[in-house]
Amino acid sequence: MSNFKLIIHNLIRKHLSLIVLAVSSLSFFLSNILLKDLLSDVQYGLYSIIVTYIALLSLFGLFGCDQVLLRTSTIDKKVLVVDYRVICIMLPISLGVSLFSTYIICMYYDLNVSYFSLFLLSFSAILIKLSYQTSRMLSMFTFSQLTLNLWKIGLLFFIFFGVCINTDITLHVIILCLLTFCLLSLASFIPLFARIKLKRLDYPSSYLLKLGSGFFIAMMSVSLLSFLDRFIIEQKFGLEKMGDYFFFVNLYLYPFILVSTYIGFKELVAFKKEFDMFLFKKRLIRIIIFSILSGSIYFIITLVLERIGVYDFRISAHIKLIFALMIFGVIKIISSLLSAAMGARADVKDLKKVNIFTIFLFVVLLISITLCSSMLNIVLLFIFIWVLRYSIYFILLLNQYRD
């Protein structure tokens, strides 16, 4: 193999997890654009609800127990040693959340699928996150990303196949497609069993409970801050407006979320090994500059594509909302680095401070949301809440460095 081919091979191998993440994100991005034209406005609104529902369960369905797993598990001779008490808590929680969340979504939305199918979709979406975290700790980064994002890639293939054979693509069929690929992702967890060892680790039960409750509130806060805006818009303005908002979120916010996910995915492991505040600040400045420049280039590309007639993104009609979403995206990238640092360095006291402050922010949010009369106002309110929340992260990190 020549030196050039060897360099390319090593680069691909080193960044294969990023490639998988990029492919899955691009697949999801294209799926949303295609479905905007294939589904009716109401069905697209319901589709946005079910996708948000899956993302919410994946993030919060384990009540933060996956974060406890990250903090307490160890690697011994390429075997992941897990405290069995965490698993004993995690499985009943995932089952209970699946039953409750399925009941709630069936009560509020007519998705035209059976309760059992939605339950299986909910349960698999939650447990996929466990598979993701487990393979991630085993340094199987590519496998973990593939497990977490297979449904996004599969959805695009399904849409292309349906269009090619001229099949009517409905919400009912899309949900069954999502269920199929989520179950396939969950089945990929089975080979990992041989590399997992369950035992009681040297952690007091009281410590696990305190850590778990702290991460529960933290993950609930992140989940609500990440997805509550969509449900508020749906309740205030209806499913059609929710579908429009979901379209612009995926067009102008999702690319930033892609980058922020990768930063959090990689930096958490690095910060657990070593953390230096001076280098952290330099990295933070570089990320801010990178996100602003790349966001500007991305906006120009979509503007050019619209001007030459490739696709009508309706930029001029929603320019204020688009700029607000892109600012939100920059903030989410910054917050991912802060979250990675806090996830690696925070103790129970820090989590308690963050959670108390976040509860205060939710009170502010609930009071202020009644004053919002447009989607733009809601986005600006959430930007304000995000800035305040992650400012406390930065302050706590500075205090740790001074100490």
Protein backbone atom coordinates (compact mmCIF):
# COMPACT_ATOMS: atom_id res chain seq x y z
CA MET A 1 0.00 0.00 0.00
CA SER A 2 1.40 3.43 -0.99
CA ASN A 3 1.96 6.12 1.61
CA PHE A 4 -0.96 8.19 0.26
CA LYS A 5 -3.37 5.25 0.42
CA LEU A 6 -2.09 4.39 3.88
CA ILE A 7 -2.73 7.96 5.08
CA ILE A 8 -6.25 7.92 3.62
CA HIS A 9 -6.92 4.49 5.12
CA ASN A 10 -5.76 5.63 8.57
CA LEU A 11 -7.80 8.82 8.36
CA ILE A 12 -10.96 6.91 7.46
CA ARG A 13 -10.33 4.36 10.18
CA LYS A 14 -9.66 7.07 12.77
CA HIS A 15 -12.76 9.08 11.89
CA LEU A 16 -15.10 6.26 10.84
CA SER A 17 -17.46 7.03 13.73
CA LEU A 18 -17.72 10.61 12.49
CA ILE A 19 -18.45 9.32 8.97
CA VAL A 20 -21.26 7.10 10.32
CA LEU A 21 -22.64 10.06 12.29
CA ALA A 22 -22.46 12.29 9.21
CA VAL A 23 -24.13 9.70 6.95
CA SER A 24 -26.94 9.11 9.44
CA SER A 25 -27.46 12.84 9.93
CA LEU A 26 -27.49 13.49 6.18
CA SER A 27 -29.94 10.60 5.76
CA PHE A 28 -32.24 12.07 8.40
CA PHE A 29 -31.91 15.52 6.83
CA LEU A 30 -32.88 14.23 3.37
CA SER A 31 -35.70 12.12 4.79
CA ASN A 32 -37.30 15.16 6.38
CA ILE A 33 -37.10 17.17 3.16
CA LEU A 34 -38.56 14.32 1.07
CA LEU A 35 -41.36 13.60 3.55
CA LYS A 36 -42.31 17.29 3.62
CA ASP A 37 -43.44 16.83 0.01
CA LEU A 38 -44.73 13.23 0.29
CA LEU A 39 -46.94 13.66 3.38
CA SER A 40 -49.84 16.01 3.98
CA ASP A 41 -49.26 18.95 6.34
CA VAL A 42 -51.07 17.20 9.20
CA GLN A 43 -49.30 13.88 8.63
CA TYR A 44 -45.94 15.65 8.49
CA GLY A 45 -46.82 17.34 11.78
CA LEU A 46 -47.59 13.92 13.31
CA TYR A 47 -44.36 12.54 11.83
CA SER A 48 -42.45 15.36 13.54
CA ILE A 49 -44.17 14.42 16.81
CA ILE A 50 -43.18 10.73 16.59
CA VAL A 51 -39.56 11.57 15.66
CA THR A 52 -39.37 14.03 18.55
CA TYR A 53 -40.88 11.36 20.79
CA ILE A 54 -38.17 8.83 19.81
CA ALA A 55 -35.40 11.39 20.34
CA LEU A 56 -36.84 12.34 23.74
CA LEU A 57 -37.01 8.72 24.90
CA SER A 58 -33.49 8.05 23.68
CA LEU A 59 -32.19 11.00 25.67
CA PHE A 60 -34.22 10.68 28.86
CA GLY A 61 -35.84 7.23 28.84
CA LEU A 62 -33.29 5.74 31.25
CA PHE A 63 -33.78 8.63 33.72
CA GLY A 64 -30.05 9.38 33.66
CA CYS A 65 -29.06 5.85 34.73
CA ASP A 66 -26.89 5.56 31.62
CA GLN A 67 -24.85 8.49 32.97
CA VAL A 68 -24.42 6.66 36.28
CA LEU A 69 -23.25 3.66 34.24
CA LEU A 70 -20.65 5.88 32.54
CA ARG A 71 -19.38 7.28 35.84
CA THR A 72 -19.19 4.03 37.82
CA SER A 73 -18.24 1.28 35.32
CA THR A 74 -14.63 0.25 34.73
CA ILE A 75 -12.66 -1.53 32.00
CA ASP A 76 -10.69 -4.63 33.02
CA LYS A 77 -8.79 -6.46 30.27
CA LYS A 78 -11.20 -5.25 27.54
CA VAL A 79 -14.18 -6.33 29.64
CA LEU A 80 -16.68 -3.77 30.90
CA VAL A 81 -17.31 -4.23 34.62
CA VAL A 82 -20.77 -2.91 35.53
CA ASP A 83 -22.39 -2.64 38.93
CA TYR A 84 -25.40 -4.94 38.74
CA ARG A 85 -27.39 -2.59 41.00
CA VAL A 86 -27.44 -0.01 38.20
CA ILE A 87 -28.85 -2.58 35.75
CA CYS A 88 -31.46 -3.70 38.29
CA ILE A 89 -32.69 -0.10 38.50
CA MET A 90 -32.37 0.60 34.78
CA LEU A 91 -34.52 -2.21 33.38
CA PRO A 92 -37.68 -1.56 35.46
CA ILE A 93 -37.36 2.17 34.71
CA SER A 94 -37.16 1.57 30.96
CA LEU A 95 -40.19 -0.72 31.09
CA GLY A 96 -42.22 1.73 33.18
CA VAL A 97 -41.29 4.72 31.02
CA SER A 98 -42.20 2.76 27.86
CA LEU A 99 -45.66 1.90 29.19
CA PHE A 100 -46.37 5.39 30.50
CA SER A 101 -45.06 7.31 27.48
CA THR A 102 -46.94 5.04 25.06
CA TYR A 103 -50.15 5.66 26.96
CA ILE A 104 -49.58 9.45 26.87
CA ILE A 105 -48.82 9.68 23.16
CA CYS A 106 -51.76 7.41 22.28
CA MET A 107 -54.05 9.60 24.39
CA TYR A 108 -53.06 12.87 22.68
CA TYR A 109 -52.30 11.82 19.08
CA ASP A 110 -53.97 9.51 16.56
CA LEU A 111 -50.96 7.80 14.97
CA ASN A 112 -52.98 4.94 13.41
CA VAL A 113 -50.80 2.17 14.86
CA SER A 114 -51.42 -0.32 17.63
CA TYR A 115 -50.55 0.34 21.27
CA PHE A 116 -48.24 -2.70 21.25
CA SER A 117 -46.27 -1.43 18.24
CA LEU A 118 -45.77 1.95 19.90
CA PHE A 119 -44.75 0.23 23.12
CA LEU A 120 -42.11 -1.84 21.29
CA LEU A 121 -40.88 1.28 19.54
CA SER A 122 -40.63 3.12 22.87
CA PHE A 123 -38.89 0.26 24.68
CA SER A 124 -36.35 -0.34 21.91
CA ALA A 125 -35.62 3.41 21.54
CA ILE A 126 -34.80 3.57 25.26
CA LEU A 127 -32.62 0.45 25.36
CA ILE A 128 -30.72 1.47 22.21
CA LYS A 129 -29.19 4.22 24.36
CA LEU A 130 -27.91 1.54 26.77
CA SER A 131 -26.30 -0.31 23.86
CA TYR A 132 -24.80 2.97 22.64
CA GLN A 133 -23.26 3.82 26.02
CA THR A 134 -21.96 0.28 26.55
CA SER A 135 -20.21 0.04 23.17
CA ARG A 136 -18.93 3.60 23.64
CA MET A 137 -17.21 2.63 26.93
CA LEU A 138 -15.70 -0.38 25.16
CA SER A 139 -14.18 2.12 22.66
CA MET A 140 -16.36 0.71 19.87
CA PHE A 141 -17.14 4.22 18.65
CA THR A 142 -18.22 3.34 15.11
CA PHE A 143 -20.44 0.51 16.30
CA SER A 144 -22.03 2.75 18.94
CA GLN A 145 -22.91 5.44 16.39
CA LEU A 146 -24.30 2.85 13.98
CA THR A 147 -26.44 1.34 16.74
CA LEU A 148 -27.83 4.71 17.78
CA ASN A 149 -28.50 6.00 14.26
CA LEU A 150 -29.45 2.96 12.18
CA TRP A 151 -33.11 4.02 12.07
CA LYS A 152 -32.16 7.32 10.41
CA ILE A 153 -30.22 5.58 7.63
CA GLY A 154 -32.90 2.91 7.26
CA LEU A 155 -35.67 5.50 6.98
CA LEU A 156 -34.02 7.16 3.98
CA PHE A 157 -33.52 3.82 2.21
CA PHE A 158 -37.16 2.96 2.88
CA ILE A 159 -38.35 6.28 1.40
CA PHE A 160 -36.19 5.86 -1.72
CA PHE A 161 -37.41 2.28 -2.15
CA GLY A 162 -41.03 3.34 -1.71
CA VAL A 163 -40.67 6.12 -4.27
CA CYS A 164 -38.92 3.79 -6.76
CA ILE A 165 -41.68 1.15 -6.62
CA ASN A 166 -44.38 3.85 -6.50
CA THR A 167 -45.71 2.81 -3.07
CA ASP A 168 -47.94 5.14 -1.06
CA ILE A 169 -45.84 6.32 1.90
CA THR A 170 -48.06 6.94 4.93
CA LEU A 171 -47.39 7.76 8.56
CA HIS A 172 -48.50 4.25 9.57
CA VAL A 173 -45.90 2.62 7.31
CA ILE A 174 -43.19 5.06 8.45
CA ILE A 175 -43.77 4.18 12.11
CA LEU A 176 -43.55 0.44 11.34
CA CYS A 177 -40.32 1.14 9.42
CA LEU A 178 -38.90 3.00 12.44
CA LEU A 179 -39.90 0.11 14.70
CA THR A 180 -38.16 -2.44 12.44
CA PHE A 181 -34.84 -0.59 12.39
CA CYS A 182 -34.96 0.18 16.13
CA LEU A 183 -35.41 -3.55 16.85
CA LEU A 184 -32.48 -4.34 14.54
CA SER A 185 -30.33 -1.84 16.44
CA LEU A 186 -31.36 -3.38 19.74
CA ALA A 187 -30.50 -6.88 18.47
CA SER A 188 -26.96 -5.68 17.74
CA PHE A 189 -26.46 -5.36 21.51
CA ILE A 190 -26.53 -9.17 21.94
CA PRO A 191 -22.87 -9.78 20.89
CA LEU A 192 -21.72 -7.30 23.55
CA PHE A 193 -22.92 -9.53 26.38
CA ALA A 194 -19.69 -11.54 26.25
CA ARG A 195 -17.69 -8.39 27.07
CA ILE A 196 -19.79 -7.31 30.06
CA LYS A 197 -19.26 -8.51 33.60
CA LEU A 198 -21.79 -7.78 36.33
CA LYS A 199 -20.60 -7.43 39.93
CA ARG A 200 -21.08 -5.21 42.95
CA LEU A 201 -18.54 -2.40 42.78
CA ASP A 202 -17.13 -0.46 45.72
CA TYR A 203 -19.77 2.26 45.69
CA PRO A 204 -22.20 2.78 48.58
CA SER A 205 -25.82 2.46 47.58
CA SER A 206 -26.43 5.96 48.93
CA TYR A 207 -23.81 7.35 46.53
CA LEU A 208 -25.43 5.62 43.55
CA LEU A 209 -28.83 6.99 44.55
CA LYS A 210 -27.51 10.54 44.96
CA LEU A 211 -25.65 10.36 41.67
CA GLY A 212 -28.66 8.84 39.94
CA SER A 213 -31.10 11.45 41.27
CA GLY A 214 -28.71 14.22 40.24
CA PHE A 215 -28.39 12.91 36.70
CA PHE A 216 -32.15 12.26 36.59
CA ILE A 217 -32.91 15.95 37.11
CA ALA A 218 -30.05 16.98 34.81
CA MET A 219 -31.17 14.69 31.96
CA MET A 220 -34.81 15.67 32.43
CA SER A 221 -33.77 19.32 32.18
CA VAL A 222 -31.74 18.73 29.01
CA SER A 223 -34.59 16.71 27.49
CA LEU A 224 -37.19 19.39 28.15
CA LEU A 225 -34.91 22.18 26.98
CA SER A 226 -34.16 20.23 23.80
CA PHE A 227 -37.70 19.24 22.83
CA LEU A 228 -40.29 21.18 24.83
CA ASP A 229 -40.34 24.01 22.27
CA ARG A 230 -41.83 21.65 19.66
CA PHE A 231 -44.70 20.52 21.88
CA ILE A 232 -45.39 24.11 22.96
CA ILE A 233 -45.60 25.20 19.31
CA GLU A 234 -47.87 22.26 18.49
CA GLN A 235 -50.22 23.13 21.37
CA LYS A 236 -50.26 26.88 20.65
CA PHE A 237 -50.32 26.88 16.84
CA GLY A 238 -51.40 23.36 15.71
CA LEU A 239 -49.86 20.38 13.90
CA GLU A 240 -49.31 22.17 10.58
CA LYS A 241 -47.24 24.95 12.19
CA MET A 242 -45.42 22.30 14.20
CA GLY A 243 -44.53 20.56 10.94
CA ASP A 244 -43.20 23.83 9.47
CA TYR A 245 -41.14 24.49 12.60
CA PHE A 246 -39.78 20.93 12.57
CA PHE A 247 -38.76 21.40 8.93
CA PHE A 248 -36.75 24.56 9.68
CA VAL A 249 -35.25 23.04 12.85
CA ASN A 250 -33.92 20.12 10.81
CA LEU A 251 -32.74 22.39 8.03
CA TYR A 252 -30.96 25.08 10.06
CA LEU A 253 -30.51 23.73 13.59
CA TYR A 254 -29.89 20.03 13.04
CA PRO A 255 -26.46 20.49 11.32
CA PHE A 256 -25.26 22.26 14.46
CA ILE A 257 -26.72 19.48 16.62
CA LEU A 258 -24.74 16.99 14.51
CA VAL A 259 -21.49 18.79 15.34
CA SER A 260 -22.42 19.25 18.99
CA THR A 261 -23.23 15.53 19.33
CA TYR A 262 -19.84 14.57 17.93
CA ILE A 263 -18.05 17.03 20.21
CA GLY A 264 -19.81 15.66 23.28
CA PHE A 265 -19.22 12.11 22.05
CA LYS A 266 -15.45 12.55 21.75
CA GLU A 267 -14.59 15.19 24.35
CA LEU A 268 -16.18 13.44 27.34
CA VAL A 269 -13.68 10.60 27.08
CA ALA A 270 -10.78 13.05 26.66
CA PHE A 271 -11.84 15.18 29.63
CA LYS A 272 -12.17 12.11 31.85
CA LYS A 273 -8.52 11.31 31.15
CA GLU A 274 -7.20 14.86 31.56
CA PHE A 275 -8.64 18.35 31.97
CA ASP A 276 -6.80 21.64 31.75
CA MET A 277 -8.71 24.93 31.99
CA PHE A 278 -6.30 26.88 29.79
CA LEU A 279 -6.57 24.35 26.96
CA PHE A 280 -10.33 24.15 27.52
CA LYS A 281 -10.70 27.91 27.00
CA LYS A 282 -8.64 27.77 23.81
CA ARG A 283 -10.76 24.89 22.53
CA LEU A 284 -13.91 26.82 23.41
CA ILE A 285 -12.79 29.87 21.41
CA ARG A 286 -11.88 27.71 18.40
CA ILE A 287 -15.27 26.01 18.51
CA ILE A 288 -17.12 29.35 18.63
CA ILE A 289 -15.20 30.65 15.59
CA PHE A 290 -15.66 27.36 13.72
CA SER A 291 -19.41 27.20 14.38
CA ILE A 292 -20.03 30.80 13.26
CA LEU A 293 -17.97 30.42 10.06
CA SER A 294 -19.39 27.03 9.11
CA GLY A 295 -22.93 28.20 9.89
CA SER A 296 -22.49 31.23 7.63
CA ILE A 297 -21.18 29.05 4.78
CA TYR A 298 -24.07 26.61 5.24
CA PHE A 299 -26.64 29.43 5.09
CA ILE A 300 -25.06 30.79 1.89
CA ILE A 301 -25.20 27.30 0.32
CA THR A 302 -28.93 26.91 1.06
CA LEU A 303 -29.54 30.44 -0.25
CA VAL A 304 -27.73 29.65 -3.52
CA LEU A 305 -29.60 26.35 -3.90
CA GLU A 306 -32.90 28.20 -3.54
CA ARG A 307 -31.90 30.95 -5.99
CA ILE A 308 -30.90 28.47 -8.70
CA GLY A 309 -34.17 26.56 -8.26
CA VAL A 310 -32.96 23.31 -6.66
CA TYR A 311 -35.42 23.54 -3.75
CA ASP A 312 -37.68 26.25 -2.31
CA PHE A 313 -36.59 26.55 1.33
CA ARG A 314 -38.84 29.64 1.84
CA ILE A 315 -35.88 31.55 3.28
CA SER A 316 -37.16 35.10 2.73
CA ALA A 317 -40.49 34.35 4.42
CA HIS A 318 -38.81 32.95 7.55
CA ILE A 319 -35.47 34.78 7.64
CA LYS A 320 -35.78 35.93 11.30
CA LEU A 321 -36.67 32.43 12.48
CA ILE A 322 -33.77 30.97 10.47
CA PHE A 323 -31.22 33.36 11.99
CA ALA A 324 -32.58 32.65 15.47
CA LEU A 325 -32.24 28.89 14.89
CA MET A 326 -28.66 29.32 13.66
CA ILE A 327 -27.75 31.36 16.74
CA PHE A 328 -29.37 28.60 18.80
CA GLY A 329 -27.17 26.10 16.92
CA VAL A 330 -23.96 27.96 17.82
CA ILE A 331 -25.05 27.98 21.47
CA LYS A 332 -25.77 24.23 21.33
CA ILE A 333 -22.25 23.55 20.03
CA ILE A 334 -20.76 25.62 22.86
CA SER A 335 -22.99 23.87 25.38
CA SER A 336 -21.88 20.42 24.15
CA LEU A 337 -18.27 21.20 25.09
CA LEU A 338 -19.36 22.56 28.48
CA SER A 339 -21.56 19.50 29.04
CA ALA A 340 -18.70 17.14 28.19
CA ALA A 341 -16.43 18.94 30.67
CA MET A 342 -19.10 18.89 33.38
CA GLY A 343 -19.96 15.27 32.71
CA ALA A 344 -16.31 14.31 33.21
CA ARG A 345 -15.44 16.64 36.10
CA ALA A 346 -18.65 17.39 38.02
CA ASP A 347 -19.31 15.93 41.45
CA VAL A 348 -22.62 15.49 43.29
CA LYS A 349 -22.43 19.03 44.73
CA ASP A 350 -22.01 20.55 41.28
CA LEU A 351 -24.95 18.57 39.94
CA LYS A 352 -27.07 19.78 42.84
CA LYS A 353 -26.21 23.43 42.11
CA VAL A 354 -26.98 23.00 38.41
CA ASN A 355 -30.28 21.28 39.14
CA ILE A 356 -31.44 23.95 41.61
CA PHE A 357 -30.61 26.69 39.11
CA THR A 358 -32.35 24.76 36.31
CA ILE A 359 -35.55 24.43 38.36
CA PHE A 360 -35.50 28.21 38.74
CA LEU A 361 -35.07 28.56 34.96
CA PHE A 362 -38.07 26.33 34.31
CA VAL A 363 -40.18 28.54 36.55
CA VAL A 364 -39.05 31.51 34.45
CA LEU A 365 -39.83 29.54 31.27
CA LEU A 366 -43.35 28.58 32.35
CA ILE A 367 -44.17 32.15 33.33
CA SER A 368 -42.70 33.65 30.15
CA ILE A 369 -44.13 31.17 27.65
CA THR A 370 -47.63 32.60 28.03
CA LEU A 371 -46.33 35.91 26.64
CA CYS A 372 -44.96 34.34 23.44
CA SER A 373 -47.18 35.02 20.44
CA SER A 374 -45.02 33.53 17.66
CA MET A 375 -42.56 30.71 16.93
CA LEU A 376 -39.75 33.28 16.85
CA ASN A 377 -40.56 34.47 20.38
CA ILE A 378 -40.51 30.89 21.65
CA VAL A 379 -37.11 30.22 20.05
CA LEU A 380 -35.66 33.43 21.52
CA LEU A 381 -36.97 32.47 24.97
CA PHE A 382 -35.31 29.03 24.75
CA ILE A 383 -32.05 30.64 23.60
CA PHE A 384 -32.15 32.87 26.68
CA ILE A 385 -32.74 29.85 28.97
CA TRP A 386 -29.92 27.85 27.33
CA VAL A 387 -27.44 30.72 27.74
CA LEU A 388 -28.27 31.07 31.43
CA ARG A 389 -28.09 27.32 32.08
CA TYR A 390 -24.70 26.79 30.46
CA SER A 391 -23.26 29.94 31.97
CA ILE A 392 -23.53 28.21 35.35
CA TYR A 393 -21.62 25.26 33.87
CA PHE A 394 -18.76 27.56 32.91
CA ILE A 395 -18.76 29.25 36.33
CA LEU A 396 -18.60 25.90 38.13
CA LEU A 397 -15.71 24.74 35.94
CA LEU A 398 -13.83 27.96 36.72
CA ASN A 399 -14.41 27.42 40.44
CA GLN A 400 -13.05 23.88 40.20
CA TYR A 401 -9.93 25.19 38.46
CA ARG A 402 -9.39 27.84 41.14
CA ASP A 403 -9.85 25.24 43.88
